All heavy atoms as atom14 arrays in JSON, in Angstrom:
{
  "sequence": "KPTSVLELVNAFERVNGVKVPHKIVGRRPGDVEAVWADTTLANNEL",
  "atom14_mask": [
    [1, 1, 1, 1, 1, 1, 1, 1, 1, 0, 0, 0, 0, 0],
    [1, 1, 1, 1, 1, 1, 1, 0, 0, 0, 0, 0, 0, 0],
    [1, 1, 1, 1, 1, 1, 1, 0, 0, 0, 0, 0, 0, 0],
    [1, 1, 1, 1, 1, 1, 0, 0, 0, 0, 0, 0, 0, 0],
    [1, 1, 1, 1, 1, 1, 1, 0, 0, 0, 0, 0, 0, 0],
    [1, 1, 1, 1, 1, 1, 1, 1, 0, 0, 0, 0, 0, 0],
    [1, 1, 1, 1, 1, 1, 1, 1, 1, 0, 0, 0, 0, 0],
    [1, 1, 1, 1, 1, 1, 1, 1, 0, 0, 0, 0, 0, 0],
    [1, 1, 1, 1, 1, 1, 1, 0, 0, 0, 0, 0, 0, 0],
    [1, 1, 1, 1, 1, 1, 1, 1, 0, 0, 0, 0, 0, 0],
    [1, 1, 1, 1, 1, 0, 0, 0, 0, 0, 0, 0, 0, 0],
    [1, 1, 1, 1, 1, 1, 1, 1, 1, 1, 1, 0, 0, 0],
    [1, 1, 1, 1, 1, 1, 1, 1, 1, 0, 0, 0, 0, 0],
    [1, 1, 1, 1, 1, 1, 1, 1, 1, 1, 1, 0, 0, 0],
    [1, 1, 1, 1, 1, 1, 1, 0, 0, 0, 0, 0, 0, 0],
    [1, 1, 1, 1, 1, 1, 1, 1, 0, 0, 0, 0, 0, 0],
    [1, 1, 1, 1, 0, 0, 0, 0, 0, 0, 0, 0, 0, 0],
    [1, 1, 1, 1, 1, 1, 1, 0, 0, 0, 0, 0, 0, 0],
    [1, 1, 1, 1, 1, 1, 1, 1, 1, 0, 0, 0, 0, 0],
    [1, 1, 1, 1, 1, 1, 1, 0, 0, 0, 0, 0, 0, 0],
    [1, 1, 1, 1, 1, 1, 1, 0, 0, 0, 0, 0, 0, 0],
    [1, 1, 1, 1, 1, 1, 1, 1, 1, 1, 0, 0, 0, 0],
    [1, 1, 1, 1, 1, 1, 1, 1, 1, 0, 0, 0, 0, 0],
    [1, 1, 1, 1, 1, 1, 1, 1, 0, 0, 0, 0, 0, 0],
    [1, 1, 1, 1, 1, 1, 1, 0, 0, 0, 0, 0, 0, 0],
    [1, 1, 1, 1, 0, 0, 0, 0, 0, 0, 0, 0, 0, 0],
    [1, 1, 1, 1, 1, 1, 1, 1, 1, 1, 1, 0, 0, 0],
    [1, 1, 1, 1, 1, 1, 1, 1, 1, 1, 1, 0, 0, 0],
    [1, 1, 1, 1, 1, 1, 1, 0, 0, 0, 0, 0, 0, 0],
    [1, 1, 1, 1, 0, 0, 0, 0, 0, 0, 0, 0, 0, 0],
    [1, 1, 1, 1, 1, 1, 1, 1, 0, 0, 0, 0, 0, 0],
    [1, 1, 1, 1, 1, 1, 1, 0, 0, 0, 0, 0, 0, 0],
    [1, 1, 1, 1, 1, 1, 1, 1, 1, 0, 0, 0, 0, 0],
    [1, 1, 1, 1, 1, 0, 0, 0, 0, 0, 0, 0, 0, 0],
    [1, 1, 1, 1, 1, 1, 1, 0, 0, 0, 0, 0, 0, 0],
    [1, 1, 1, 1, 1, 1, 1, 1, 1, 1, 1, 1, 1, 1],
    [1, 1, 1, 1, 1, 0, 0, 0, 0, 0, 0, 0, 0, 0],
    [1, 1, 1, 1, 1, 1, 1, 1, 0, 0, 0, 0, 0, 0],
    [1, 1, 1, 1, 1, 1, 1, 0, 0, 0, 0, 0, 0, 0],
    [1, 1, 1, 1, 1, 1, 1, 0, 0, 0, 0, 0, 0, 0],
    [1, 1, 1, 1, 1, 1, 1, 1, 0, 0, 0, 0, 0, 0],
    [1, 1, 1, 1, 1, 0, 0, 0, 0, 0, 0, 0, 0, 0],
    [1, 1, 1, 1, 1, 1, 1, 1, 0, 0, 0, 0, 0, 0],
    [1, 1, 1, 1, 1, 1, 1, 1, 0, 0, 0, 0, 0, 0],
    [1, 1, 1, 1, 1, 1, 1, 1, 1, 0, 0, 0, 0, 0],
    [1, 1, 1, 1, 1, 1, 1, 1, 0, 0, 0, 0, 0, 0]
  ],
  "atom14_positions": [
    [[-2.92, -9.44, 1.13], [-3.55, -8.46, 2.03], [-3.47, -7.07, 1.41], [-2.38, -6.59, 1.11], [-2.84, -8.42, 3.38], [-2.82, -9.74, 4.13], [-2.21, -9.55, 5.52], [-2.01, -10.88, 6.21], [-0.65, -11.43, 6.04], [0.0, 0.0, 0.0], [0.0, 0.0, 0.0], [0.0, 0.0, 0.0], [0.0, 0.0, 0.0], [0.0, 0.0, 0.0]],
    [[-4.61, -6.39, 1.22], [-4.57, -5.02, 0.69], [-4.22, -4.0, 1.77], [-4.69, -4.1, 2.9], [-5.99, -4.8, 0.17], [-6.85, -5.68, 1.02], [-6.0, -6.86, 1.42], [0.0, 0.0, 0.0], [0.0, 0.0, 0.0], [0.0, 0.0, 0.0], [0.0, 0.0, 0.0], [0.0, 0.0, 0.0], [0.0, 0.0, 0.0], [0.0, 0.0, 0.0]],
    [[-3.39, -3.04, 1.39], [-3.04, -1.91, 2.27], [-3.15, -0.64, 1.45], [-2.66, -0.59, 0.31], [-1.6, -2.06, 2.8], [-1.46, -3.3, 3.5], [-1.22, -0.91, 3.74], [0.0, 0.0, 0.0], [0.0, 0.0, 0.0], [0.0, 0.0, 0.0], [0.0, 0.0, 0.0], [0.0, 0.0, 0.0], [0.0, 0.0, 0.0], [0.0, 0.0, 0.0]],
    [[-3.78, 0.39, 2.0], [-3.91, 1.64, 1.25], [-2.62, 2.45, 1.36], [-1.8, 2.25, 2.26], [-5.09, 2.46, 1.75], [-4.75, 3.13, 2.95], [0.0, 0.0, 0.0], [0.0, 0.0, 0.0], [0.0, 0.0, 0.0], [0.0, 0.0, 0.0], [0.0, 0.0, 0.0], [0.0, 0.0, 0.0], [0.0, 0.0, 0.0], [0.0, 0.0, 0.0]],
    [[-2.48, 3.39, 0.43], [-1.31, 4.28, 0.44], [-1.24, 5.05, 1.76], [-0.17, 5.13, 2.39], [-1.37, 5.25, -0.76], [-0.28, 6.32, -0.64], [-1.24, 4.5, -2.07], [0.0, 0.0, 0.0], [0.0, 0.0, 0.0], [0.0, 0.0, 0.0], [0.0, 0.0, 0.0], [0.0, 0.0, 0.0], [0.0, 0.0, 0.0], [0.0, 0.0, 0.0]],
    [[-2.36, 5.57, 2.2], [-2.36, 6.33, 3.46], [-2.09, 5.43, 4.66], [-1.39, 5.84, 5.6], [-3.68, 7.08, 3.63], [-3.87, 8.28, 2.68], [-5.3, 8.82, 2.75], [-2.86, 9.39, 2.96], [0.0, 0.0, 0.0], [0.0, 0.0, 0.0], [0.0, 0.0, 0.0], [0.0, 0.0, 0.0], [0.0, 0.0, 0.0], [0.0, 0.0, 0.0]],
    [[-2.61, 4.21, 4.63], [-2.3, 3.25, 5.71], [-0.81, 2.97, 5.77], [-0.22, 2.87, 6.85], [-3.05, 1.94, 5.48], [-4.51, 1.95, 5.86], [-5.2, 0.64, 5.53], [-4.84, -0.02, 4.53], [-6.12, 0.27, 6.27], [0.0, 0.0, 0.0], [0.0, 0.0, 0.0], [0.0, 0.0, 0.0], [0.0, 0.0, 0.0], [0.0, 0.0, 0.0]],
    [[-0.19, 2.85, 4.6], [1.24, 2.55, 4.55], [2.05, 3.72, 5.13], [2.99, 3.5, 5.91], [1.68, 2.28, 3.1], [3.07, 1.67, 2.98], [3.03, 0.17, 3.27], [3.66, 1.89, 1.61], [0.0, 0.0, 0.0], [0.0, 0.0, 0.0], [0.0, 0.0, 0.0], [0.0, 0.0, 0.0], [0.0, 0.0, 0.0], [0.0, 0.0, 0.0]],
    [[1.68, 4.93, 4.76], [2.37, 6.12, 5.29], [2.24, 6.16, 6.81], [3.23, 6.36, 7.54], [1.81, 7.41, 4.66], [2.42, 8.65, 5.34], [2.1, 7.45, 3.15], [0.0, 0.0, 0.0], [0.0, 0.0, 0.0], [0.0, 0.0, 0.0], [0.0, 0.0, 0.0], [0.0, 0.0, 0.0], [0.0, 0.0, 0.0], [0.0, 0.0, 0.0]],
    [[1.03, 5.93, 7.31], [0.79, 5.97, 8.76], [1.56, 4.85, 9.47], [2.12, 5.07, 10.56], [-0.71, 5.85, 9.05], [-1.48, 7.07, 8.58], [-0.9, 8.16, 8.48], [-2.76, 6.91, 8.29], [0.0, 0.0, 0.0], [0.0, 0.0, 0.0], [0.0, 0.0, 0.0], [0.0, 0.0, 0.0], [0.0, 0.0, 0.0], [0.0, 0.0, 0.0]],
    [[1.6, 3.67, 8.86], [2.33, 2.55, 9.46], [3.82, 2.85, 9.52], [4.49, 2.56, 10.52], [2.08, 1.26, 8.67], [0.0, 0.0, 0.0], [0.0, 0.0, 0.0], [0.0, 0.0, 0.0], [0.0, 0.0, 0.0], [0.0, 0.0, 0.0], [0.0, 0.0, 0.0], [0.0, 0.0, 0.0], [0.0, 0.0, 0.0], [0.0, 0.0, 0.0]],
    [[4.35, 3.46, 8.46], [5.78, 3.82, 8.44], [6.1, 4.79, 9.58], [7.09, 4.62, 10.3], [6.15, 4.44, 7.1], [7.61, 4.79, 6.98], [8.52, 3.86, 6.5], [8.09, 6.03, 7.38], [9.87, 4.16, 6.43], [9.44, 6.35, 7.29], [10.33, 5.41, 6.82], [0.0, 0.0, 0.0], [0.0, 0.0, 0.0], [0.0, 0.0, 0.0]],
    [[5.24, 5.79, 9.77], [5.47, 6.77, 10.84], [5.42, 6.09, 12.2], [6.26, 6.35, 13.07], [4.4, 7.86, 10.76], [4.54, 8.77, 9.55], [3.52, 9.91, 9.54], [2.4, 9.74, 10.09], [3.84, 10.98, 8.99], [0.0, 0.0, 0.0], [0.0, 0.0, 0.0], [0.0, 0.0, 0.0], [0.0, 0.0, 0.0], [0.0, 0.0, 0.0]],
    [[4.44, 5.19, 12.38], [4.28, 4.51, 13.68], [5.47, 3.58, 13.97], [6.03, 3.6, 15.07], [2.97, 3.7, 13.66], [2.77, 2.79, 14.87], [1.47, 2.02, 14.79], [1.3, 1.26, 13.56], [1.92, 0.1, 13.31], [2.77, -0.42, 14.19], [1.7, -0.54, 12.17], [0.0, 0.0, 0.0], [0.0, 0.0, 0.0], [0.0, 0.0, 0.0]],
    [[5.86, 2.79, 13.0], [6.92, 1.79, 13.2], [8.26, 2.46, 13.48], [9.03, 2.01, 14.34], [7.03, 0.86, 11.97], [8.3, 0.03, 12.01], [5.81, -0.04, 11.87], [0.0, 0.0, 0.0], [0.0, 0.0, 0.0], [0.0, 0.0, 0.0], [0.0, 0.0, 0.0], [0.0, 0.0, 0.0], [0.0, 0.0, 0.0], [0.0, 0.0, 0.0]],
    [[8.54, 3.53, 12.75], [9.88, 4.13, 12.79], [9.97, 5.41, 13.63], [11.06, 5.93, 13.85], [10.36, 4.4, 11.36], [10.52, 3.11, 10.58], [11.23, 2.2, 11.03], [9.86, 3.0, 9.44], [0.0, 0.0, 0.0], [0.0, 0.0, 0.0], [0.0, 0.0, 0.0], [0.0, 0.0, 0.0], [0.0, 0.0, 0.0], [0.0, 0.0, 0.0]],
    [[8.82, 5.88, 14.13], [8.84, 7.07, 14.98], [9.32, 8.32, 14.28], [9.98, 9.17, 14.88], [0.0, 0.0, 0.0], [0.0, 0.0, 0.0], [0.0, 0.0, 0.0], [0.0, 0.0, 0.0], [0.0, 0.0, 0.0], [0.0, 0.0, 0.0], [0.0, 0.0, 0.0], [0.0, 0.0, 0.0], [0.0, 0.0, 0.0], [0.0, 0.0, 0.0]],
    [[9.01, 8.41, 12.97], [9.4, 9.61, 12.21], [8.17, 10.14, 11.47], [7.24, 9.4, 11.18], [10.53, 9.31, 11.19], [11.84, 9.06, 11.89], [10.17, 8.15, 10.28], [0.0, 0.0, 0.0], [0.0, 0.0, 0.0], [0.0, 0.0, 0.0], [0.0, 0.0, 0.0], [0.0, 0.0, 0.0], [0.0, 0.0, 0.0], [0.0, 0.0, 0.0]],
    [[8.21, 11.42, 11.16], [7.1, 12.02, 10.43], [7.39, 12.03, 8.93], [8.55, 12.2, 8.5], [6.92, 13.49, 10.89], [6.15, 13.61, 12.21], [4.87, 12.85, 12.12], [3.71, 13.29, 12.95], [2.64, 12.26, 12.86], [0.0, 0.0, 0.0], [0.0, 0.0, 0.0], [0.0, 0.0, 0.0], [0.0, 0.0, 0.0], [0.0, 0.0, 0.0]],
    [[6.35, 11.84, 8.14], [6.46, 11.9, 6.68], [5.49, 12.98, 6.18], [4.29, 12.71, 6.03], [6.11, 10.55, 6.03], [6.24, 10.64, 4.51], [7.0, 9.43, 6.57], [0.0, 0.0, 0.0], [0.0, 0.0, 0.0], [0.0, 0.0, 0.0], [0.0, 0.0, 0.0], [0.0, 0.0, 0.0], [0.0, 0.0, 0.0], [0.0, 0.0, 0.0]],
    [[5.96, 14.22, 6.0], [5.08, 15.26, 5.48], [4.48, 14.82, 4.14], [5.21, 14.37, 3.25], [6.0, 16.46, 5.3], [7.2, 16.17, 6.15], [7.34, 14.69, 6.18], [0.0, 0.0, 0.0], [0.0, 0.0, 0.0], [0.0, 0.0, 0.0], [0.0, 0.0, 0.0], [0.0, 0.0, 0.0], [0.0, 0.0, 0.0], [0.0, 0.0, 0.0]],
    [[3.16, 14.92, 4.01], [2.54, 14.51, 2.76], [1.32, 15.36, 2.45], [0.72, 15.96, 3.33], [2.17, 13.02, 2.79], [1.25, 12.62, 3.91], [1.71, 12.38, 5.18], [-0.09, 12.42, 3.95], [0.69, 12.04, 5.97], [-0.41, 12.07, 5.25], [0.0, 0.0, 0.0], [0.0, 0.0, 0.0], [0.0, 0.0, 0.0], [0.0, 0.0, 0.0]],
    [[0.99, 15.4, 1.16], [-0.18, 16.17, 0.72], [-0.93, 15.33, -0.32], [-0.34, 14.49, -1.01], [0.24, 17.5, 0.11], [1.06, 17.37, -1.17], [1.41, 18.7, -1.8], [2.27, 18.49, -3.06], [2.7, 19.73, -3.68], [0.0, 0.0, 0.0], [0.0, 0.0, 0.0], [0.0, 0.0, 0.0], [0.0, 0.0, 0.0], [0.0, 0.0, 0.0]],
    [[-2.23, 15.58, -0.4], [-3.04, 14.9, -1.4], [-3.0, 15.71, -2.69], [-3.21, 16.93, -2.68], [-4.51, 14.77, -0.93], [-4.58, 14.15, 0.48], [-5.33, 13.97, -1.94], [-4.11, 12.74, 0.59], [0.0, 0.0, 0.0], [0.0, 0.0, 0.0], [0.0, 0.0, 0.0], [0.0, 0.0, 0.0], [0.0, 0.0, 0.0], [0.0, 0.0, 0.0]],
    [[-2.71, 15.02, -3.8], [-2.75, 15.68, -5.11], [-3.68, 14.87, -6.02], [-4.27, 13.88, -5.59], [-1.33, 15.79, -5.73], [-0.43, 16.65, -4.86], [-0.71, 14.41, -5.95], [0.0, 0.0, 0.0], [0.0, 0.0, 0.0], [0.0, 0.0, 0.0], [0.0, 0.0, 0.0], [0.0, 0.0, 0.0], [0.0, 0.0, 0.0], [0.0, 0.0, 0.0]],
    [[-3.8, 15.29, -7.28], [-4.71, 14.61, -8.2], [-4.24, 13.2, -8.53], [-3.1, 12.81, -8.27], [0.0, 0.0, 0.0], [0.0, 0.0, 0.0], [0.0, 0.0, 0.0], [0.0, 0.0, 0.0], [0.0, 0.0, 0.0], [0.0, 0.0, 0.0], [0.0, 0.0, 0.0], [0.0, 0.0, 0.0], [0.0, 0.0, 0.0], [0.0, 0.0, 0.0]],
    [[-5.14, 12.43, -9.08], [-4.81, 11.06, -9.49], [-3.69, 11.06, -10.54], [-3.53, 12.04, -11.28], [-6.05, 10.38, -10.09], [-7.18, 10.17, -9.1], [-8.31, 9.4, -9.76], [-9.44, 9.2, -8.85], [-10.44, 8.36, -9.11], [-10.45, 7.66, -10.23], [-11.44, 8.22, -8.24], [0.0, 0.0, 0.0], [0.0, 0.0, 0.0], [0.0, 0.0, 0.0]],
    [[-2.95, 9.97, -10.59], [-1.83, 9.84, -11.53], [-2.24, 8.97, -12.71], [-2.84, 7.9, -12.51], [-0.64, 9.22, -10.79], [0.62, 9.06, -11.64], [1.79, 8.61, -10.79], [1.55, 7.34, -10.1], [2.45, 6.72, -9.35], [3.64, 7.26, -9.17], [2.15, 5.58, -8.74], [0.0, 0.0, 0.0], [0.0, 0.0, 0.0], [0.0, 0.0, 0.0]],
    [[-1.92, 9.37, -13.94], [-2.28, 8.55, -15.1], [-1.68, 7.14, -14.98], [-0.53, 6.99, -14.59], [-1.65, 9.29, -16.3], [-1.41, 10.68, -15.81], [-1.2, 10.59, -14.33], [0.0, 0.0, 0.0], [0.0, 0.0, 0.0], [0.0, 0.0, 0.0], [0.0, 0.0, 0.0], [0.0, 0.0, 0.0], [0.0, 0.0, 0.0], [0.0, 0.0, 0.0]],
    [[-2.48, 6.14, -15.31], [-1.99, 4.76, -15.31], [-2.23, 4.02, -14.0], [-2.08, 2.8, -13.95], [0.0, 0.0, 0.0], [0.0, 0.0, 0.0], [0.0, 0.0, 0.0], [0.0, 0.0, 0.0], [0.0, 0.0, 0.0], [0.0, 0.0, 0.0], [0.0, 0.0, 0.0], [0.0, 0.0, 0.0], [0.0, 0.0, 0.0], [0.0, 0.0, 0.0]],
    [[-2.57, 4.71, -12.92], [-2.82, 4.04, -11.64], [-4.19, 3.36, -11.64], [-5.17, 3.93, -12.11], [-2.78, 5.05, -10.48], [-1.37, 5.38, -10.03], [-0.45, 4.65, -10.42], [-1.2, 6.37, -9.3], [0.0, 0.0, 0.0], [0.0, 0.0, 0.0], [0.0, 0.0, 0.0], [0.0, 0.0, 0.0], [0.0, 0.0, 0.0], [0.0, 0.0, 0.0]],
    [[-4.25, 2.15, -11.1], [-5.54, 1.49, -10.89], [-5.97, 1.7, -9.45], [-5.16, 1.99, -8.57], [-5.5, -0.01, -11.24], [-5.16, -0.22, -12.7], [-4.52, -0.76, -10.35], [0.0, 0.0, 0.0], [0.0, 0.0, 0.0], [0.0, 0.0, 0.0], [0.0, 0.0, 0.0], [0.0, 0.0, 0.0], [0.0, 0.0, 0.0], [0.0, 0.0, 0.0]],
    [[-7.27, 1.55, -9.21], [-7.82, 1.86, -7.89], [-7.37, 0.87, -6.82], [-6.95, 1.26, -5.73], [-9.35, 1.84, -7.99], [-10.07, 2.18, -6.71], [-11.55, 2.39, -6.97], [-11.92, 3.53, -7.32], [-12.32, 1.42, -6.85], [0.0, 0.0, 0.0], [0.0, 0.0, 0.0], [0.0, 0.0, 0.0], [0.0, 0.0, 0.0], [0.0, 0.0, 0.0]],
    [[-7.48, -0.41, -7.14], [-7.19, -1.44, -6.13], [-6.76, -2.72, -6.81], [-7.36, -3.13, -7.81], [-8.42, -1.69, -5.27], [0.0, 0.0, 0.0], [0.0, 0.0, 0.0], [0.0, 0.0, 0.0], [0.0, 0.0, 0.0], [0.0, 0.0, 0.0], [0.0, 0.0, 0.0], [0.0, 0.0, 0.0], [0.0, 0.0, 0.0], [0.0, 0.0, 0.0]],
    [[-5.73, -3.35, -6.28], [-5.36, -4.68, -6.75], [-4.56, -5.38, -5.66], [-3.69, -4.79, -5.03], [-4.56, -4.62, -8.09], [-3.23, -3.9, -7.93], [-4.39, -6.0, -8.7], [0.0, 0.0, 0.0], [0.0, 0.0, 0.0], [0.0, 0.0, 0.0], [0.0, 0.0, 0.0], [0.0, 0.0, 0.0], [0.0, 0.0, 0.0], [0.0, 0.0, 0.0]],
    [[-4.96, -6.62, -5.39], [-4.16, -7.45, -4.49], [-4.3, -8.9, -4.9], [-5.16, -9.25, -5.71], [-4.51, -7.22, -3.01], [-5.87, -7.64, -2.55], [-6.23, -8.84, -2.0], [-7.07, -6.84, -2.54], [-7.55, -8.84, -1.67], [-8.09, -7.63, -1.98], [-7.36, -5.53, -2.94], [-9.4, -7.15, -1.83], [-8.66, -5.07, -2.79], [-9.66, -5.87, -2.25]],
    [[-3.42, -9.73, -4.38], [-3.24, -11.08, -4.9], [-4.03, -12.13, -4.14], [-4.18, -12.05, -2.92], [-1.75, -11.46, -4.83], [0.0, 0.0, 0.0], [0.0, 0.0, 0.0], [0.0, 0.0, 0.0], [0.0, 0.0, 0.0], [0.0, 0.0, 0.0], [0.0, 0.0, 0.0], [0.0, 0.0, 0.0], [0.0, 0.0, 0.0], [0.0, 0.0, 0.0]],
    [[-4.5, -13.12, -4.89], [-4.82, -14.42, -4.31], [-3.56, -15.26, -4.5], [-3.14, -15.51, -5.63], [-6.01, -15.05, -5.03], [-6.42, -16.4, -4.43], [-5.52, -17.18, -4.03], [-7.62, -16.68, -4.36], [0.0, 0.0, 0.0], [0.0, 0.0, 0.0], [0.0, 0.0, 0.0], [0.0, 0.0, 0.0], [0.0, 0.0, 0.0], [0.0, 0.0, 0.0]],
    [[-2.93, -15.66, -3.41], [-1.63, -16.35, -3.5], [-1.76, -17.87, -3.29], [-0.76, -18.55, -3.09], [-0.64, -15.79, -2.47], [-1.18, -15.97, -1.15], [-0.39, -14.31, -2.7], [0.0, 0.0, 0.0], [0.0, 0.0, 0.0], [0.0, 0.0, 0.0], [0.0, 0.0, 0.0], [0.0, 0.0, 0.0], [0.0, 0.0, 0.0], [0.0, 0.0, 0.0]],
    [[-2.98, -18.39, -3.37], [-3.21, -19.81, -3.09], [-2.34, -20.72, -3.95], [-1.75, -21.68, -3.47], [-4.69, -20.17, -3.31], [-5.5, -19.27, -2.55], [-4.99, -21.59, -2.9], [0.0, 0.0, 0.0], [0.0, 0.0, 0.0], [0.0, 0.0, 0.0], [0.0, 0.0, 0.0], [0.0, 0.0, 0.0], [0.0, 0.0, 0.0], [0.0, 0.0, 0.0]],
    [[-2.26, -20.41, -5.25], [-1.5, -21.27, -6.17], [-0.02, -21.31, -5.79], [0.58, -22.39, -5.72], [-1.68, -20.8, -7.61], [-1.1, -21.73, -8.68], [-1.86, -23.06, -8.73], [-1.12, -21.07, -10.05], [0.0, 0.0, 0.0], [0.0, 0.0, 0.0], [0.0, 0.0, 0.0], [0.0, 0.0, 0.0], [0.0, 0.0, 0.0], [0.0, 0.0, 0.0]],
    [[0.57, -20.14, -5.56], [1.99, -20.1, -5.18], [2.21, -20.8, -3.84], [3.2, -21.52, -3.65], [2.49, -18.65, -5.11], [0.0, 0.0, 0.0], [0.0, 0.0, 0.0], [0.0, 0.0, 0.0], [0.0, 0.0, 0.0], [0.0, 0.0, 0.0], [0.0, 0.0, 0.0], [0.0, 0.0, 0.0], [0.0, 0.0, 0.0], [0.0, 0.0, 0.0]],
    [[1.29, -20.59, -2.91], [1.4, -21.24, -1.59], [1.38, -22.76, -1.73], [2.19, -23.47, -1.14], [0.27, -20.8, -0.66], [0.25, -19.29, -0.36], [-0.77, -18.77, 0.05], [1.35, -18.58, -0.61], [0.0, 0.0, 0.0], [0.0, 0.0, 0.0], [0.0, 0.0, 0.0], [0.0, 0.0, 0.0], [0.0, 0.0, 0.0], [0.0, 0.0, 0.0]],
    [[0.44, -23.27, -2.53], [0.24, -24.71, -2.63], [1.22, -25.39, -3.6], [1.75, -26.46, -3.3], [-1.2, -25.03, -3.06], [-2.2, -24.62, -2.01], [-1.85, -24.38, -0.86], [-3.46, -24.51, -2.4], [0.0, 0.0, 0.0], [0.0, 0.0, 0.0], [0.0, 0.0, 0.0], [0.0, 0.0, 0.0], [0.0, 0.0, 0.0], [0.0, 0.0, 0.0]],
    [[1.44, -24.77, -4.77], [2.27, -25.41, -5.79], [3.76, -25.2, -5.55], [4.55, -26.11, -5.7], [1.9, -24.85, -7.18], [0.76, -25.57, -7.85], [1.06, -27.03, -8.14], [2.13, -27.33, -8.68], [0.23, -27.88, -7.79], [0.0, 0.0, 0.0], [0.0, 0.0, 0.0], [0.0, 0.0, 0.0], [0.0, 0.0, 0.0], [0.0, 0.0, 0.0]],
    [[4.13, -23.97, -5.21], [5.55, -23.68, -5.0], [5.98, -23.97, -3.56], [7.17, -24.07, -3.27], [5.85, -22.2, -5.3], [5.69, -21.73, -6.75], [5.97, -20.24, -6.85], [6.61, -22.5, -7.68], [0.0, 0.0, 0.0], [0.0, 0.0, 0.0], [0.0, 0.0, 0.0], [0.0, 0.0, 0.0], [0.0, 0.0, 0.0], [0.0, 0.0, 0.0]]
  ]
}
């Protein structure tokens, strides 16, 4: 399941009832835009 960085921050605040001050800055070298797993093989084989 893909989750965005901002979704994760918002979920953390909601679950724990605390604020996480944050700001948007430029992209970081080496980061890819999106990646998530197909876990079918691990689910079925392992």
